[in-house]
């Protein structure tokens, strides 16, 4: 299992390098594909993956990324309102065939996966985005690694004993501090290339710290959904890691966190 996870992790890093460095429409297309797979995994957990509500959610996600592709972001709200109206129409026309939870699950899924993950692309499109986009990975994967190491060595107090018995408060704090340190070191190395950030070291360290806190909430949120629906993993697409949502659960939260943190801190 260790070697399987390691090889899969290396492949993911290589793919991230290719897509983030390339940026533009290649990154947008990759983000869209990952989001749609993740949305399918979530809808499958909610048992609406092949129901009209779920199909409407897929169509809304495609429309959302289509607007990003075209740069027509002023029409984004139309996608959300349209999905809600379509789902409510199906709900009332076929009543009582579907439940209210299926409507809310379909709309929630659009925000939770495609919209949140799309901020990877949107961060990459920012001025200095070629460098700032990597803070999403640093704060997510860096926090996970540091939290695991610190938790193994010093963890005594459980962070969320019901959701994730192995996570500790010490590990959580170590993950935040580790992510902040990694962000600082990253900015130290690339600060001369960040022309639109006034104090790259401070901005990147704070952005990574903020995102690291939020990333742990994202990790626990994904675990809570799995517990509520009695599943161990969202899928088996990534050997040794599970599904898209199992691997990108924290990044779903760090992508918008970094985007807005950098927007304010820069």
C-alpha atoms as a PDB file:
ATOM      1  CA  UNK A   1       0.000   0.000   0.000  1.00  0.00           C
ATOM      2  CA  UNK A   2       2.860   2.399   0.845  1.00  0.00           C
ATOM      3  CA  UNK A   3       4.494   2.013  -2.565  1.00  0.00           C
ATOM      4  CA  UNK A   4       1.145   2.305  -4.325  1.00  0.00           C
ATOM      5  CA  UNK A   5       0.404   5.570  -2.513  1.00  0.00           C
ATOM      6  CA  UNK A   6       3.921   6.827  -3.176  1.00  0.00           C
ATOM      7  CA  UNK A   7       3.810   6.117  -6.907  1.00  0.00           C
ATOM      8  CA  UNK A   8       0.329   7.623  -7.199  1.00  0.00           C
ATOM      9  CA  UNK A   9       1.521  10.682  -5.295  1.00  0.00           C
ATOM     10  CA  UNK A  10       4.493  11.147  -7.617  1.00  0.00           C
ATOM     11  CA  UNK A  11       2.208  10.866 -10.654  1.00  0.00           C
ATOM     12  CA  UNK A  12      -0.144  13.471  -9.163  1.00  0.00           C
ATOM     13  CA  UNK A  13       2.751  15.856  -8.559  1.00  0.00           C
ATOM     14  CA  UNK A  14       3.989  15.426 -12.135  1.00  0.00           C
ATOM     15  CA  UNK A  15       0.499  16.077 -13.506  1.00  0.00           C
ATOM     16  CA  UNK A  16       0.180  19.148 -11.280  1.00  0.00           C
ATOM     17  CA  UNK A  17       3.483  20.451 -12.628  1.00  0.00           C
ATOM     18  CA  UNK A  18       2.350  19.972 -16.223  1.00  0.00           C
ATOM     19  CA  UNK A  19      -1.080  21.542 -15.825  1.00  0.00           C
ATOM     20  CA  UNK A  20      -0.212  24.439 -13.490  1.00  0.00           C
ATOM     21  CA  UNK A  21       2.927  25.437 -15.390  1.00  0.00           C
ATOM     22  CA  UNK A  22       0.994  25.328 -18.669  1.00  0.00           C
ATOM     23  CA  UNK A  23      -1.951  27.221 -17.191  1.00  0.00           C
ATOM     24  CA  UNK A  24      -4.581  28.644 -19.530  1.00  0.00           C
ATOM     25  CA  UNK A  25      -7.110  26.392 -21.175  1.00  0.00           C
ATOM     26  CA  UNK A  26      -5.162  23.200 -20.478  1.00  0.00           C
ATOM     27  CA  UNK A  27      -5.408  23.842 -16.735  1.00  0.00           C
ATOM     28  CA  UNK A  28      -9.055  24.854 -17.077  1.00  0.00           C
ATOM     29  CA  UNK A  29      -9.869  21.658 -18.984  1.00  0.00           C
ATOM     30  CA  UNK A  30      -8.029  19.521 -16.426  1.00  0.00           C
ATOM     31  CA  UNK A  31      -9.815  21.286 -13.561  1.00  0.00           C
ATOM     32  CA  UNK A  32     -13.170  20.762 -15.284  1.00  0.00           C
ATOM     33  CA  UNK A  33     -12.545  17.033 -15.747  1.00  0.00           C
ATOM     34  CA  UNK A  34     -11.395  16.595 -12.142  1.00  0.00           C
ATOM     35  CA  UNK A  35     -14.408  18.573 -10.927  1.00  0.00           C
ATOM     36  CA  UNK A  36     -16.897  16.516 -12.920  1.00  0.00           C
ATOM     37  CA  UNK A  37     -15.419  13.266 -11.623  1.00  0.00           C
ATOM     38  CA  UNK A  38     -15.482  14.639  -8.087  1.00  0.00           C
ATOM     39  CA  UNK A  39     -19.066  15.805  -8.573  1.00  0.00           C
ATOM     40  CA  UNK A  40     -20.034  12.320  -9.752  1.00  0.00           C
ATOM     41  CA  UNK A  41     -18.409  10.802  -6.648  1.00  0.00           C
ATOM     42  CA  UNK A  42     -20.299  13.188  -4.381  1.00  0.00           C
ATOM     43  CA  UNK A  43     -23.616  12.607  -6.168  1.00  0.00           C
ATOM     44  CA  UNK A  44     -23.035   8.858  -5.932  1.00  0.00           C
ATOM     45  CA  UNK A  45     -22.604   9.199  -2.171  1.00  0.00           C
ATOM     46  CA  UNK A  46     -25.811  11.246  -2.066  1.00  0.00           C
ATOM     47  CA  UNK A  47     -27.515   8.639  -4.320  1.00  0.00           C
ATOM     48  CA  UNK A  48     -28.440  11.123  -7.049  1.00  0.00           C
ATOM     49  CA  UNK A  49     -25.653  10.409  -9.559  1.00  0.00           C
ATOM     50  CA  UNK A  50     -28.052   8.983 -12.164  1.00  0.00           C
ATOM     51  CA  UNK A  51     -31.200  10.881 -11.196  1.00  0.00           C
ATOM     52  CA  UNK A  52     -32.562  14.001 -12.915  1.00  0.00           C
ATOM     53  CA  UNK A  53     -31.231  16.213 -10.103  1.00  0.00           C
ATOM     54  CA  UNK A  54     -27.729  14.848 -10.607  1.00  0.00           C
ATOM     55  CA  UNK A  55     -27.873  15.153 -14.394  1.00  0.00           C
ATOM     56  CA  UNK A  56     -28.954  18.775 -14.001  1.00  0.00           C
ATOM     57  CA  UNK A  57     -25.952  19.290 -11.694  1.00  0.00           C
ATOM     58  CA  UNK A  58     -23.546  17.898 -14.315  1.00  0.00           C
ATOM     59  CA  UNK A  59     -25.019  20.185 -16.968  1.00  0.00           C
ATOM     60  CA  UNK A  60     -24.720  23.196 -14.648  1.00  0.00           C
ATOM     61  CA  UNK A  61     -21.058  22.331 -13.940  1.00  0.00           C
ATOM     62  CA  UNK A  62     -20.306  22.124 -17.677  1.00  0.00           C
ATOM     63  CA  UNK A  63     -22.059  25.467 -18.200  1.00  0.00           C
ATOM     64  CA  UNK A  64     -20.070  27.002 -15.337  1.00  0.00           C
ATOM     65  CA  UNK A  65     -16.726  25.952 -16.827  1.00  0.00           C
ATOM     66  CA  UNK A  66     -17.930  27.008 -20.255  1.00  0.00           C
ATOM     67  CA  UNK A  67     -18.467  30.526 -18.932  1.00  0.00           C
ATOM     68  CA  UNK A  68     -15.005  30.489 -17.344  1.00  0.00           C
ATOM     69  CA  UNK A  69     -13.593  29.349 -20.695  1.00  0.00           C
ATOM     70  CA  UNK A  70     -15.351  32.203 -22.488  1.00  0.00           C
ATOM     71  CA  UNK A  71     -14.540  34.721 -19.758  1.00  0.00           C
ATOM     72  CA  UNK A  72     -18.224  35.591 -19.246  1.00  0.00           C
ATOM     73  CA  UNK A  73     -18.134  35.497 -15.457  1.00  0.00           C
ATOM     74  CA  UNK A  74     -20.958  38.019 -15.169  1.00  0.00           C
ATOM     75  CA  UNK A  75     -23.403  35.225 -16.046  1.00  0.00           C
ATOM     76  CA  UNK A  76     -22.236  32.829 -13.318  1.00  0.00           C
ATOM     77  CA  UNK A  77     -25.215  33.513 -11.068  1.00  0.00           C
ATOM     78  CA  UNK A  78     -27.508  32.482 -13.903  1.00  0.00           C
ATOM     79  CA  UNK A  79     -26.015  28.966 -13.743  1.00  0.00           C
ATOM     80  CA  UNK A  80     -26.733  28.640 -10.023  1.00  0.00           C
ATOM     81  CA  UNK A  81     -30.236  30.051 -10.263  1.00  0.00           C
ATOM     82  CA  UNK A  82     -30.911  27.924 -13.340  1.00  0.00           C
ATOM     83  CA  UNK A  83     -29.862  24.718 -11.554  1.00  0.00           C
ATOM     84  CA  UNK A  84     -32.062  25.536  -8.576  1.00  0.00           C
ATOM     85  CA  UNK A  85     -35.054  26.326 -10.790  1.00  0.00           C
ATOM     86  CA  UNK A  86     -34.606  23.137 -12.860  1.00  0.00           C
ATOM     87  CA  UNK A  87     -34.302  20.986  -9.743  1.00  0.00           C
ATOM     88  CA  UNK A  88     -37.326  22.621  -8.125  1.00  0.00           C
ATOM     89  CA  UNK A  89     -39.324  22.127 -11.316  1.00  0.00           C
ATOM     90  CA  UNK A  90     -38.458  18.414 -11.346  1.00  0.00           C
ATOM     91  CA  UNK A  91     -39.279  18.260  -7.656  1.00  0.00           C
ATOM     92  CA  UNK A  92     -42.791  19.739  -7.944  1.00  0.00           C
ATOM     93  CA  UNK A  93     -43.758  18.172 -11.294  1.00  0.00           C
ATOM     94  CA  UNK A  94     -42.881  14.652 -10.135  1.00  0.00           C
ATOM     95  CA  UNK A  95     -43.913  15.101  -6.495  1.00  0.00           C
ATOM     96  CA  UNK A  96     -43.622  13.020  -4.311  1.00  0.00           C
ATOM     97  CA  UNK A  97     -41.083  10.955  -6.295  1.00  0.00           C
ATOM     98  CA  UNK A  98     -38.041  12.935  -5.121  1.00  0.00           C
ATOM     99  CA  UNK A  99     -37.064  14.342  -1.744  1.00  0.00           C
ATOM    100  CA  UNK A 100     -36.026  17.862  -0.740  1.00  0.00           C
ATOM    101  CA  UNK A 101     -32.569  16.522   0.166  1.00  0.00           C
ATOM    102  CA  UNK A 102     -31.986  15.566  -3.463  1.00  0.00           C
ATOM    103  CA  UNK A 103     -32.619  19.147  -4.584  1.00  0.00           C
ATOM    104  CA  UNK A 104     -30.343  20.625  -1.933  1.00  0.00           C
ATOM    105  CA  UNK A 105     -27.705  17.951  -2.608  1.00  0.00           C
ATOM    106  CA  UNK A 106     -27.580  18.773  -6.314  1.00  0.00           C
ATOM    107  CA  UNK A 107     -27.164  22.521  -5.713  1.00  0.00           C
ATOM    108  CA  UNK A 108     -24.706  21.978  -2.852  1.00  0.00           C
ATOM    109  CA  UNK A 109     -22.611  19.698  -5.064  1.00  0.00           C
ATOM    110  CA  UNK A 110     -22.166  22.393  -7.706  1.00  0.00           C
ATOM    111  CA  UNK A 111     -20.735  24.821  -5.151  1.00  0.00           C
ATOM    112  CA  UNK A 112     -18.782  22.237  -3.193  1.00  0.00           C
ATOM    113  CA  UNK A 113     -16.809  20.688  -6.050  1.00  0.00           C
ATOM    114  CA  UNK A 114     -16.725  22.580  -9.401  1.00  0.00           C
ATOM    115  CA  UNK A 115     -16.990  26.120  -8.058  1.00  0.00           C
ATOM    116  CA  UNK A 116     -14.502  25.649  -5.222  1.00  0.00           C
ATOM    117  CA  UNK A 117     -11.957  23.758  -7.350  1.00  0.00           C
ATOM    118  CA  UNK A 118     -12.248  26.297 -10.164  1.00  0.00           C
ATOM    119  CA  UNK A 119     -10.299  28.730  -7.987  1.00  0.00           C
ATOM    120  CA  UNK A 120      -7.166  26.776  -8.860  1.00  0.00           C
ATOM    121  CA  UNK A 121      -7.581  28.041 -12.415  1.00  0.00           C
ATOM    122  CA  UNK A 122      -8.701  31.485 -11.271  1.00  0.00           C
ATOM    123  CA  UNK A 123      -5.660  31.840  -9.002  1.00  0.00           C
ATOM    124  CA  UNK A 124      -3.417  30.814 -11.880  1.00  0.00           C
ATOM    125  CA  UNK A 125      -4.994  33.586 -13.983  1.00  0.00           C
ATOM    126  CA  UNK A 126      -4.130  36.287 -11.443  1.00  0.00           C
ATOM    127  CA  UNK A 127      -1.096  38.547 -11.881  1.00  0.00           C
ATOM    128  CA  UNK A 128       1.836  36.432 -10.652  1.00  0.00           C
ATOM    129  CA  UNK A 129      -0.548  33.483 -10.754  1.00  0.00           C
ATOM    130  CA  UNK A 130       2.169  31.221 -12.170  1.00  0.00           C
ATOM    131  CA  UNK A 131       3.768  31.438  -8.705  1.00  0.00           C
ATOM    132  CA  UNK A 132       0.771  32.064  -6.446  1.00  0.00           C
ATOM    133  CA  UNK A 133      -1.150  28.993  -7.673  1.00  0.00           C
ATOM    134  CA  UNK A 134       1.437  26.734  -6.033  1.00  0.00           C
ATOM    135  CA  UNK A 135       0.418  28.085  -2.626  1.00  0.00           C
ATOM    136  CA  UNK A 136      -2.767  26.002  -3.014  1.00  0.00           C
ATOM    137  CA  UNK A 137      -0.713  22.821  -3.112  1.00  0.00           C
ATOM    138  CA  UNK A 138       1.747  24.006  -0.457  1.00  0.00           C
ATOM    139  CA  UNK A 139      -0.997  24.869   2.020  1.00  0.00           C
ATOM    140  CA  UNK A 140      -2.962  21.677   1.305  1.00  0.00           C
ATOM    141  CA  UNK A 141      -0.384  18.931   0.885  1.00  0.00           C
ATOM    142  CA  UNK A 142       2.179  20.706   3.068  1.00  0.00           C
ATOM    143  CA  UNK A 143      -0.307  21.006   5.912  1.00  0.00           C
ATOM    144  CA  UNK A 144      -1.289  17.328   5.560  1.00  0.00           C
ATOM    145  CA  UNK A 145       2.346  16.200   5.702  1.00  0.00           C
ATOM    146  CA  UNK A 146       3.366  18.448   8.592  1.00  0.00           C
ATOM    147  CA  UNK A 147       0.210  17.637  10.569  1.00  0.00           C
ATOM    148  CA  UNK A 148       0.848  13.911  10.122  1.00  0.00           C
ATOM    149  CA  UNK A 149       4.487  14.135  11.233  1.00  0.00           C
ATOM    150  CA  UNK A 150       3.844  16.399  14.237  1.00  0.00           C
ATOM    151  CA  UNK A 151       0.791  14.371  15.206  1.00  0.00           C
ATOM    152  CA  UNK A 152       2.754  11.126  15.133  1.00  0.00           C
ATOM    153  CA  UNK A 153       5.487  12.578  17.343  1.00  0.00           C
ATOM    154  CA  UNK A 154       3.588  14.821  19.752  1.00  0.00           C
ATOM    155  CA  UNK A 155      -0.139  14.213  19.254  1.00  0.00           C
ATOM    156  CA  UNK A 156      -2.003  13.613  22.535  1.00  0.00           C
ATOM    157  CA  UNK A 157      -5.249  15.573  22.333  1.00  0.00           C
ATOM    158  CA  UNK A 158      -7.823  14.404  19.771  1.00  0.00           C
ATOM    159  CA  UNK A 159      -9.015  17.061  17.325  1.00  0.00           C
ATOM    160  CA  UNK A 160     -12.207  15.327  16.151  1.00  0.00           C
ATOM    161  CA  UNK A 161     -12.416  11.938  17.898  1.00  0.00           C
ATOM    162  CA  UNK A 162     -15.644  10.874  16.191  1.00  0.00           C
ATOM    163  CA  UNK A 163     -14.796  11.948  12.653  1.00  0.00           C
ATOM    164  CA  UNK A 164     -11.078  11.217  12.577  1.00  0.00           C
ATOM    165  CA  UNK A 165      -9.684   9.571  15.746  1.00  0.00           C
ATOM    166  CA  UNK A 166      -6.068   9.779  14.572  1.00  0.00           C
ATOM    167  CA  UNK A 167      -6.008  13.561  14.095  1.00  0.00           C
ATOM    168  CA  UNK A 168      -4.678  15.579  17.011  1.00  0.00           C
ATOM    169  CA  UNK A 169      -4.746  19.233  18.038  1.00  0.00           C
ATOM    170  CA  UNK A 170      -0.946  19.203  18.120  1.00  0.00           C
ATOM    171  CA  UNK A 171      -0.889  17.879  14.570  1.00  0.00           C
ATOM    172  CA  UNK A 172      -3.361  20.526  13.425  1.00  0.00           C
ATOM    173  CA  UNK A 173      -1.252  23.316  14.901  1.00  0.00           C
ATOM    174  CA  UNK A 174       1.890  21.789  13.415  1.00  0.00           C
ATOM    175  CA  UNK A 175       0.197  21.594  10.019  1.00  0.00           C
ATOM    176  CA  UNK A 176      -0.666  25.305  10.089  1.00  0.00           C
ATOM    177  CA  UNK A 177       2.800  26.353  11.253  1.00  0.00           C
ATOM    178  CA  UNK A 178       4.451  24.002   8.765  1.00  0.00           C
ATOM    179  CA  UNK A 179       2.373  25.353   5.882  1.00  0.00           C
ATOM    180  CA  UNK A 180       3.215  28.923   6.905  1.00  0.00           C
ATOM    181  CA  UNK A 181       6.917  28.071   7.007  1.00  0.00           C
ATOM    182  CA  UNK A 182       6.760  26.385   3.608  1.00  0.00           C
ATOM    183  CA  UNK A 183       4.954  29.426   2.197  1.00  0.00           C
ATOM    184  CA  UNK A 184       7.629  31.710   3.629  1.00  0.00           C
ATOM    185  CA  UNK A 185      10.454  29.596   2.191  1.00  0.00           C
ATOM    186  CA  UNK A 186       8.713  29.367  -1.168  1.00  0.00           C
ATOM    187  CA  UNK A 187       8.325  33.159  -1.299  1.00  0.00           C
ATOM    188  CA  UNK A 188      11.945  33.621  -0.258  1.00  0.00           C
ATOM    189  CA  UNK A 189      13.024  31.633  -3.273  1.00  0.00           C
ATOM    190  CA  UNK A 190      10.593  33.203  -5.787  1.00  0.00           C
ATOM    191  CA  UNK A 191      10.032  36.697  -4.345  1.00  0.00           C
ATOM    192  CA  UNK A 192      11.871  38.441  -7.178  1.00  0.00           C
ATOM    193  CA  UNK A 193       9.347  36.960  -9.627  1.00  0.00           C
ATOM    194  CA  UNK A 194       6.286  38.119  -7.666  1.00  0.00           C
ATOM    195  CA  UNK A 195       6.170  41.629  -9.033  1.00  0.00           C
ATOM    196  CA  UNK A 196       2.604  42.392  -7.923  1.00  0.00           C
ATOM    197  CA  UNK A 197       2.940  41.294  -4.294  1.00  0.00           C
ATOM    198  CA  UNK A 198       4.285  43.986  -1.961  1.00  0.00           C
ATOM    199  CA  UNK A 199       5.768  41.669   0.696  1.00  0.00           C
ATOM    200  CA  UNK A 200       5.837  38.150  -0.801  1.00  0.00           C
ATOM    201  CA  UNK A 201       7.283  36.407   2.273  1.00  0.00           C
ATOM    202  CA  UNK A 202       4.677  37.792   4.657  1.00  0.00           C
ATOM    203  CA  UNK A 203       1.805  37.462   2.186  1.00  0.00           C
ATOM    204  CA  UNK A 204       2.603  33.850   1.254  1.00  0.00           C
ATOM    205  CA  UNK A 205       3.220  32.780   4.851  1.00  0.00           C
ATOM    206  CA  UNK A 206      -0.071  34.288   6.050  1.00  0.00           C
ATOM    207  CA  UNK A 207      -2.015  32.998   3.028  1.00  0.00           C
ATOM    208  CA  UNK A 208      -0.702  29.461   3.583  1.00  0.00           C
ATOM    209  CA  UNK A 209      -1.463  29.624   7.310  1.00  0.00           C
ATOM    210  CA  UNK A 210      -5.036  30.767   6.657  1.00  0.00           C
ATOM    211  CA  UNK A 211      -5.542  28.173   3.948  1.00  0.00           C
ATOM    212  CA  UNK A 212      -4.040  25.429   6.145  1.00  0.00           C
ATOM    213  CA  UNK A 213      -6.641  26.079   8.840  1.00  0.00           C
ATOM    214  CA  UNK A 214      -9.407  25.939   6.264  1.00  0.00           C
ATOM    215  CA  UNK A 215      -7.916  22.876   4.557  1.00  0.00           C
ATOM    216  CA  UNK A 216      -8.321  20.844   7.752  1.00  0.00           C
ATOM    217  CA  UNK A 217     -11.965  21.844   7.898  1.00  0.00           C
ATOM    218  CA  UNK A 218     -12.293  20.642   4.304  1.00  0.00           C
ATOM    219  CA  UNK A 219     -10.665  17.327   5.181  1.00  0.00           C
ATOM    220  CA  UNK A 220     -13.006  16.775   8.122  1.00  0.00           C
ATOM    221  CA  UNK A 221     -16.035  17.902   6.110  1.00  0.00           C
ATOM    222  CA  UNK A 222     -15.340  15.261   3.471  1.00  0.00           C
ATOM    223  CA  UNK A 223     -14.987  12.659   6.228  1.00  0.00           C
ATOM    224  CA  UNK A 224     -18.275  13.777   7.777  1.00  0.00           C
ATOM    225  CA  UNK A 225     -20.112  13.306   4.479  1.00  0.00           C
ATOM    226  CA  UNK A 226     -18.648   9.806   4.134  1.00  0.00           C
ATOM    227  CA  UNK A 227     -19.656   8.921   7.689  1.00  0.00           C
ATOM    228  CA  UNK A 228     -23.182  10.224   7.137  1.00  0.00           C
ATOM    229  CA  UNK A 229     -23.595   8.030   4.079  1.00  0.00           C
ATOM    230  CA  UNK A 230     -21.749   4.951   5.299  1.00  0.00           C
ATOM    231  CA  UNK A 231     -18.895   4.834   2.762  1.00  0.00           C
ATOM    232  CA  UNK A 232     -15.177   4.348   3.302  1.00  0.00           C
ATOM    233  CA  UNK A 233     -13.880   6.051   0.142  1.00  0.00           C
ATOM    234  CA  UNK A 234     -15.501   8.190  -2.525  1.00  0.00           C
ATOM    235  CA  UNK A 235     -13.969   6.045  -5.259  1.00  0.00           C
ATOM    236  CA  UNK A 236     -10.974   4.004  -6.419  1.00  0.00           C
ATOM    237  CA  UNK A 237      -9.693   6.133  -9.294  1.00  0.00           C
ATOM    238  CA  UNK A 238      -6.358   6.962  -7.626  1.00  0.00           C
ATOM    239  CA  UNK A 239      -4.614   3.782  -6.424  1.00  0.00           C
ATOM    240  CA  UNK A 240      -3.791   3.950  -2.742  1.00  0.00           C
ATOM    241  CA  UNK A 241      -5.666   7.217  -2.249  1.00  0.00           C
ATOM    242  CA  UNK A 242      -9.271   6.505  -3.219  1.00  0.00           C
ATOM    243  CA  UNK A 243     -11.324   8.836  -5.357  1.00  0.00           C
ATOM    244  CA  UNK A 244     -10.875  12.420  -6.470  1.00  0.00           C
ATOM    245  CA  UNK A 245     -12.619  13.743  -3.361  1.00  0.00           C
ATOM    246  CA  UNK A 246     -10.473  11.566  -1.103  1.00  0.00           C
ATOM    247  CA  UNK A 247      -7.297  13.160  -2.490  1.00  0.00           C
ATOM    248  CA  UNK A 248      -8.533  16.695  -3.193  1.00  0.00           C
ATOM    249  CA  UNK A 249     -10.841  17.149  -0.190  1.00  0.00           C
ATOM    250  CA  UNK A 250      -8.588  19.729   1.477  1.00  0.00           C
ATOM    251  CA  UNK A 251      -7.627  21.410  -1.796  1.00  0.00           C
ATOM    252  CA  UNK A 252     -11.316  22.081  -2.464  1.00  0.00           C
ATOM    253  CA  UNK A 253     -11.101  24.504   0.447  1.00  0.00           C
ATOM    254  CA  UNK A 254      -7.559  25.807  -0.008  1.00  0.00           C
ATOM    255  CA  UNK A 255      -8.125  26.896  -3.632  1.00  0.00           C
ATOM    256  CA  UNK A 256     -10.652  29.656  -2.848  1.00  0.00           C
ATOM    257  CA  UNK A 257      -8.894  30.380   0.470  1.00  0.00           C
ATOM    258  CA  UNK A 258      -5.609  31.158  -1.290  1.00  0.00           C
ATOM    259  CA  UNK A 259      -7.367  33.141  -4.024  1.00  0.00           C
ATOM    260  CA  UNK A 260      -9.096  35.482  -1.582  1.00  0.00           C
ATOM    261  CA  UNK A 261      -6.266  35.565   0.970  1.00  0.00           C
ATOM    262  CA  UNK A 262      -3.769  36.626  -1.677  1.00  0.00           C
ATOM    263  CA  UNK A 263      -6.272  39.117  -3.122  1.00  0.00           C
ATOM    264  CA  UNK A 264      -6.457  40.877   0.261  1.00  0.00           C
ATOM    265  CA  UNK A 265      -2.842  40.411   1.372  1.00  0.00           C
ATOM    266  CA  UNK A 266      -1.092  41.389  -1.833  1.00  0.00           C
END
